[in-house]
């Protein structure tokens, strides 16, 4: 397609706006040569990227020279090419980027109806995106932008891609159950048997409540992400009044380092009423559930407080 250059003219759409504006044209459907390019999905994607880059550069130049912006500080971050193409996809979108999104959803276990990954962002794809967003604990709008792609990248690490719930069976359930057992949650006499029954559901609900996430008894991306987070700064053992040992001593020392009073005995390794009240005080200050029990949400809040302190 020939480069027809650029020009300044009094186009209607530019005259009737008060903001800096640019009119771009990607080709003419009445021109047979242009029309052949405009039917090629790879050309359309390249043209869209070129338009976006040119507009970003032009408006950056406008803001640097006294326009309505603030220069480089207002320039959007460059999209992470590995996670997000830079193009927001929504109902009505078509092409290879939509097909890639649909394949990701299918790989994660979401239903796209009989047509599957057909490259057309219709109502079925929109609802699949909404379902993923809800499971991932992010904004639910059915539109695939940077937040949605970032969540997809995050869940691909610690999550198999399959939502587990009451009625599920198999090795993925057994792995989930073992994680819960390692974190100190009770699974009854059967333990990690690979069957997602009422006991497993309640153990998941208990973990979710302790982790400060949506409590529904369903193990999806948000639950697995929370499990990954707590595995770093948390031993996996819930500490409460009556607990004893080095883990309690470590907890007490962390509270002391953050300025909380543990009484005259200090970090003695005994979780008594004074330690319980110190934990409650910290929980209240940190904005997490106040129960005097040190579980995953409390340990995650301790990590955050230590980073900020």
Protein backbone atom coordinates (compact mmCIF):
# COMPACT_ATOMS: atom_id res chain seq x y z
CA UNK A 1 0.00 0.00 0.00
CA UNK A 2 1.53 3.36 -0.94
CA UNK A 3 2.38 5.95 1.73
CA UNK A 4 0.20 8.92 0.89
CA UNK A 5 1.99 11.11 3.42
CA UNK A 6 0.47 13.52 5.93
CA UNK A 7 -1.29 16.84 5.62
CA UNK A 8 -2.94 19.56 7.66
CA UNK A 9 -6.51 20.36 6.68
CA UNK A 10 -9.76 21.65 8.11
CA UNK A 11 -11.52 18.31 8.41
CA UNK A 12 -14.90 18.48 10.14
CA UNK A 13 -14.03 15.94 12.86
CA UNK A 14 -10.90 17.89 13.75
CA UNK A 15 -12.54 21.34 13.66
CA UNK A 16 -15.32 20.25 16.02
CA UNK A 17 -13.24 19.22 19.02
CA UNK A 18 -11.45 21.20 21.71
CA UNK A 19 -8.72 18.62 22.38
CA UNK A 20 -5.55 17.82 20.42
CA UNK A 21 -6.67 15.51 17.61
CA UNK A 22 -5.36 13.52 14.66
CA UNK A 23 -7.35 11.90 11.85
CA UNK A 24 -5.80 8.71 10.45
CA UNK A 25 -6.80 6.68 7.44
CA UNK A 26 -5.79 3.05 7.03
CA UNK A 27 -6.69 2.74 3.37
CA UNK A 28 -9.65 3.09 1.03
CA UNK A 29 -12.09 0.26 0.34
CA UNK A 30 -12.91 1.84 -3.01
CA UNK A 31 -9.31 1.27 -4.09
CA UNK A 32 -8.91 -2.37 -5.19
CA UNK A 33 -5.24 -2.50 -4.14
CA UNK A 34 -6.03 -1.08 -0.66
CA UNK A 35 -9.04 -3.37 -0.32
CA UNK A 36 -6.89 -6.49 -0.81
CA UNK A 37 -4.62 -5.39 2.05
CA UNK A 38 -7.59 -4.60 4.28
CA UNK A 39 -8.80 -8.20 3.98
CA UNK A 40 -5.49 -9.56 5.32
CA UNK A 41 -5.65 -10.06 9.14
CA UNK A 42 -1.85 -9.82 9.50
CA UNK A 43 -1.81 -6.47 7.68
CA UNK A 44 -4.68 -5.19 9.80
CA UNK A 45 -2.78 -6.06 12.98
CA UNK A 46 0.42 -4.41 11.71
CA UNK A 47 -1.53 -1.32 10.68
CA UNK A 48 -3.23 -1.13 14.09
CA UNK A 49 0.12 -1.34 15.88
CA UNK A 50 1.60 1.34 13.60
CA UNK A 51 -1.39 3.63 14.22
CA UNK A 52 -1.13 3.15 17.99
CA UNK A 53 2.62 3.83 18.03
CA UNK A 54 2.28 6.92 15.82
CA UNK A 55 -0.57 8.36 17.89
CA UNK A 56 1.29 7.74 21.13
CA UNK A 57 4.39 9.50 19.76
CA UNK A 58 2.36 12.40 18.37
CA UNK A 59 0.40 13.04 21.55
CA UNK A 60 3.54 12.67 23.64
CA UNK A 61 5.07 15.43 21.51
CA UNK A 62 1.95 17.57 21.98
CA UNK A 63 2.04 17.25 25.78
CA UNK A 64 5.78 18.02 25.88
CA UNK A 65 5.14 21.23 23.96
CA UNK A 66 2.40 22.67 26.13
CA UNK A 67 -0.72 20.69 25.31
CA UNK A 68 -3.27 19.31 27.74
CA UNK A 69 -0.97 16.71 29.27
CA UNK A 70 2.09 16.56 31.45
CA UNK A 71 4.78 15.22 29.15
CA UNK A 72 6.43 11.90 29.80
CA UNK A 73 4.72 11.46 33.16
CA UNK A 74 1.34 11.10 31.42
CA UNK A 75 2.57 8.74 28.72
CA UNK A 76 1.00 5.27 29.19
CA UNK A 77 3.34 2.39 29.97
CA UNK A 78 4.38 0.33 26.97
CA UNK A 79 2.30 -2.87 26.92
CA UNK A 80 4.10 -6.00 28.03
CA UNK A 81 4.35 -7.81 24.68
CA UNK A 82 4.51 -11.22 26.33
CA UNK A 83 1.21 -10.73 28.16
CA UNK A 84 -0.87 -8.22 26.24
CA UNK A 85 -0.84 -7.13 22.60
CA UNK A 86 -1.76 -3.57 23.56
CA UNK A 87 -5.21 -3.93 21.99
CA UNK A 88 -8.32 -4.07 24.19
CA UNK A 89 -10.61 -6.84 22.99
CA UNK A 90 -14.35 -6.75 23.50
CA UNK A 91 -17.62 -7.87 21.94
CA UNK A 92 -17.40 -7.08 18.23
CA UNK A 93 -13.63 -7.60 17.96
CA UNK A 94 -12.36 -10.10 15.39
CA UNK A 95 -9.12 -11.62 14.21
CA UNK A 96 -6.06 -13.56 15.40
CA UNK A 97 -5.82 -11.74 18.74
CA UNK A 98 -9.37 -12.80 19.58
CA UNK A 99 -8.55 -16.35 18.51
CA UNK A 100 -5.51 -16.37 20.83
CA UNK A 101 -7.63 -15.09 23.72
CA UNK A 102 -10.25 -17.74 23.07
CA UNK A 103 -7.61 -20.48 23.02
CA UNK A 104 -6.29 -19.28 26.37
CA UNK A 105 -9.79 -19.45 27.81
CA UNK A 106 -10.28 -22.97 26.43
CA UNK A 107 -6.93 -24.05 27.89
CA UNK A 108 -8.10 -22.71 31.26
CA UNK A 109 -11.26 -24.79 31.07
CA UNK A 110 -13.79 -22.15 30.04
CA UNK A 111 -16.60 -23.06 27.62
CA UNK A 112 -16.80 -21.24 24.28
CA UNK A 113 -19.73 -23.14 22.85
CA UNK A 114 -19.76 -25.06 19.58
CA UNK A 115 -17.62 -22.62 17.58
CA UNK A 116 -14.63 -22.62 19.95
CA UNK A 117 -11.69 -20.38 19.01
CA UNK A 118 -13.20 -18.87 15.85
CA UNK A 119 -11.68 -15.38 16.16
CA UNK A 120 -15.05 -13.69 16.72
CA UNK A 121 -15.65 -11.97 20.06
CA UNK A 122 -19.35 -12.61 20.48
CA UNK A 123 -21.64 -12.99 23.52
CA UNK A 124 -20.26 -16.45 24.36
CA UNK A 125 -16.67 -15.18 24.48
CA UNK A 126 -17.77 -12.16 26.50
CA UNK A 127 -19.42 -14.41 29.10
CA UNK A 128 -16.36 -16.69 29.23
CA UNK A 129 -14.17 -13.64 29.89
CA UNK A 130 -16.59 -12.49 32.59
CA UNK A 131 -16.45 -15.93 34.22
CA UNK A 132 -12.65 -15.89 34.20
CA UNK A 133 -12.57 -12.36 35.62
CA UNK A 134 -14.94 -13.35 38.41
CA UNK A 135 -12.87 -16.43 39.26
CA UNK A 136 -9.66 -14.38 39.18
CA UNK A 137 -11.06 -11.72 41.53
CA UNK A 138 -10.62 -8.82 39.10
CA UNK A 139 -13.02 -6.31 37.51
CA UNK A 140 -15.87 -8.19 35.81
CA UNK A 141 -16.78 -6.40 32.58
CA UNK A 142 -16.34 -8.97 29.81
CA UNK A 143 -13.59 -6.86 28.22
CA UNK A 144 -10.09 -8.31 27.80
CA UNK A 145 -7.54 -5.62 28.61
CA UNK A 146 -4.22 -5.54 30.48
CA UNK A 147 -5.71 -6.54 33.86
CA UNK A 148 -7.31 -9.65 32.36
CA UNK A 149 -4.16 -10.70 30.50
CA UNK A 150 -2.02 -10.11 33.59
CA UNK A 151 -4.37 -12.36 35.60
CA UNK A 152 -4.09 -15.05 32.93
CA UNK A 153 -0.30 -14.94 33.15
CA UNK A 154 -0.41 -15.09 36.95
CA UNK A 155 -2.69 -18.10 37.15
CA UNK A 156 -0.70 -20.08 34.63
CA UNK A 157 2.04 -20.55 37.25
CA UNK A 158 0.41 -22.07 40.34
CA UNK A 159 -2.90 -23.12 38.81
CA UNK A 160 -3.65 -26.05 36.52
CA UNK A 161 -6.30 -24.03 34.71
CA UNK A 162 -9.14 -26.24 35.99
CA UNK A 163 -11.63 -24.92 38.52
CA UNK A 164 -12.14 -27.47 41.28
CA UNK A 165 -15.33 -27.70 43.30
CA UNK A 166 -17.57 -30.17 45.09
CA UNK A 167 -17.98 -33.16 42.81
CA UNK A 168 -14.53 -32.88 41.20
CA UNK A 169 -12.24 -35.93 41.37
CA UNK A 170 -8.74 -36.94 40.41
CA UNK A 171 -5.07 -36.04 40.89
CA UNK A 172 -5.68 -32.27 40.80
CA UNK A 173 -8.08 -32.60 43.73
CA UNK A 174 -5.54 -34.77 45.55
CA UNK A 175 -2.85 -32.11 45.01
CA UNK A 176 -5.19 -29.40 46.32
CA UNK A 177 -6.02 -31.51 49.36
CA UNK A 178 -2.34 -32.10 50.08
CA UNK A 179 -1.71 -28.35 49.91
CA UNK A 180 -4.50 -27.80 52.42
CA UNK A 181 -3.10 -30.48 54.72
CA UNK A 182 0.38 -28.93 54.47
CA UNK A 183 -1.16 -25.60 55.46
CA UNK A 184 -2.73 -27.16 58.54
CA UNK A 185 -6.34 -27.57 57.40
CA UNK A 186 -8.33 -30.63 58.48
CA UNK A 187 -9.63 -33.00 55.80
CA UNK A 188 -11.14 -35.59 58.10
CA UNK A 189 -10.30 -39.29 58.18
CA UNK A 190 -9.92 -39.73 54.40
CA UNK A 191 -7.26 -37.04 53.92
CA UNK A 192 -6.03 -36.48 50.36
CA UNK A 193 -8.26 -39.03 48.63
CA UNK A 194 -8.82 -37.13 45.37
CA UNK A 195 -12.55 -36.62 46.00
CA UNK A 196 -13.82 -33.06 46.39
CA UNK A 197 -16.58 -33.63 48.92
CA UNK A 198 -18.18 -31.47 51.64
CA UNK A 199 -15.12 -31.77 53.91
CA UNK A 200 -12.76 -30.48 51.21
CA UNK A 201 -15.20 -27.72 50.35
CA UNK A 202 -15.27 -26.55 53.97
CA UNK A 203 -11.46 -26.73 54.21
CA UNK A 204 -11.21 -24.54 51.10
CA UNK A 205 -13.73 -22.12 52.60
CA UNK A 206 -11.69 -21.97 55.81
CA UNK A 207 -8.51 -21.23 53.85
CA UNK A 208 -10.27 -18.57 51.78
CA UNK A 209 -11.60 -16.89 54.92
CA UNK A 210 -8.16 -16.95 56.54
CA UNK A 211 -6.56 -15.59 53.36
CA UNK A 212 -9.07 -12.72 53.10
CA UNK A 213 -10.36 -13.68 49.64
CA UNK A 214 -13.80 -14.59 48.26
CA UNK A 215 -15.28 -17.41 50.37
CA UNK A 216 -17.17 -19.81 48.10
CA UNK A 217 -15.54 -23.22 48.64
CA UNK A 218 -14.42 -23.31 45.00
CA UNK A 219 -10.72 -23.56 44.16
CA UNK A 220 -10.04 -21.30 41.19
CA UNK A 221 -7.22 -18.92 40.22
CA UNK A 222 -7.74 -16.54 43.16
CA UNK A 223 -7.49 -19.40 45.68
CA UNK A 224 -4.37 -20.87 44.06
CA UNK A 225 -2.77 -17.42 43.86
CA UNK A 226 -3.39 -16.96 47.59
CA UNK A 227 -1.83 -20.36 48.28
CA UNK A 228 1.25 -19.36 46.30
CA UNK A 229 1.50 -16.08 48.20
CA UNK A 230 1.27 -17.59 51.67
CA UNK A 231 3.80 -20.32 50.93
CA UNK A 232 6.56 -17.69 50.94
CA UNK A 233 6.24 -15.95 54.31
CA UNK A 234 4.13 -18.48 56.16
CA UNK A 235 5.10 -21.83 57.65
CA UNK A 236 1.68 -23.25 56.83
CA UNK A 237 0.74 -23.64 60.49
CA UNK A 238 -2.02 -21.53 62.01
CA UNK A 239 -0.88 -20.11 65.35
CA UNK A 240 -3.31 -19.26 68.13
CA UNK A 241 -3.62 -19.11 71.89
CA UNK A 242 -2.12 -22.33 73.26
CA UNK A 243 0.46 -22.75 70.48
CA UNK A 244 4.10 -23.06 71.51
CA UNK A 245 7.54 -23.32 69.94
CA UNK A 246 9.93 -21.56 67.54
CA UNK A 247 7.19 -20.49 65.13
CA UNK A 248 5.45 -18.62 67.95
CA UNK A 249 8.77 -17.10 68.99
CA UNK A 250 9.36 -15.91 65.42
CA UNK A 251 5.87 -14.39 65.29
CA UNK A 252 6.42 -12.62 68.60
CA UNK A 253 9.76 -11.21 67.45
CA UNK A 254 8.16 -9.85 64.28
CA UNK A 255 5.48 -8.15 66.36
CA UNK A 256 8.13 -6.68 68.67
CA UNK A 257 10.10 -5.40 65.66
CA UNK A 258 6.93 -3.67 64.46
CA UNK A 259 6.47 -1.98 67.85
CA UNK A 260 3.80 -4.16 69.44
CA UNK A 261 3.96 -4.94 73.16
CA UNK A 262 4.40 -8.63 74.09
CA UNK A 263 4.63 -8.02 77.87
CA UNK A 264 7.51 -8.70 80.25
CA UNK A 265 8.32 -12.17 78.88
CA UNK A 266 8.87 -10.97 75.31
CA UNK A 267 9.44 -13.58 72.61
CA UNK A 268 9.19 -16.65 74.83
CA UNK A 269 7.56 -18.99 72.33
CA UNK A 270 4.28 -19.23 74.26
CA UNK A 271 1.12 -17.95 72.55
CA UNK A 272 -0.74 -16.62 75.58
CA UNK A 273 -3.34 -13.87 76.09
CA UNK A 274 -0.75 -11.09 75.68
CA UNK A 275 0.42 -12.43 72.30
CA UNK A 276 -3.19 -12.90 71.23
CA UNK A 277 -3.94 -9.24 72.02
CA UNK A 278 -0.79 -8.09 70.22
CA UNK A 279 -1.90 -10.04 67.15
CA UNK A 280 -5.38 -8.51 67.41
CA UNK A 281 -3.87 -5.01 67.61
CA UNK A 282 -1.74 -5.68 64.54
CA UNK A 283 -4.69 -7.13 62.62
CA UNK A 284 -6.79 -4.07 63.41
CA UNK A 285 -4.01 -1.74 62.26
CA UNK A 286 -3.44 -3.80 59.10
CA UNK A 287 -7.12 -3.91 58.15
CA UNK A 288 -7.44 -7.72 58.20
CA UNK A 289 -9.85 -9.93 60.12
CA UNK A 290 -9.41 -9.31 63.85
CA UNK A 291 -9.51 -12.67 65.61
CA UNK A 292 -6.15 -12.95 67.41
CA UNK A 293 -5.22 -15.97 65.27
CA UNK A 294 -2.13 -15.81 63.04
CA UNK A 295 -3.04 -17.45 59.72
CA UNK A 296 -2.12 -16.70 56.10
CA UNK A 297 -3.81 -13.28 55.91
CA UNK A 298 -2.01 -12.12 59.05
CA UNK A 299 1.36 -13.38 57.84
CA UNK A 300 0.85 -11.73 54.45
CA UNK A 301 0.02 -8.46 56.24
CA UNK A 302 3.16 -8.85 58.37
CA UNK A 303 5.24 -9.22 55.22
CA UNK A 304 3.69 -6.07 53.78
CA UNK A 305 4.25 -4.12 57.00
CA UNK A 306 7.88 -5.26 57.12
CA UNK A 307 8.45 -4.17 53.53
CA UNK A 308 7.01 -0.73 54.25
CA UNK A 309 8.81 -0.39 57.58
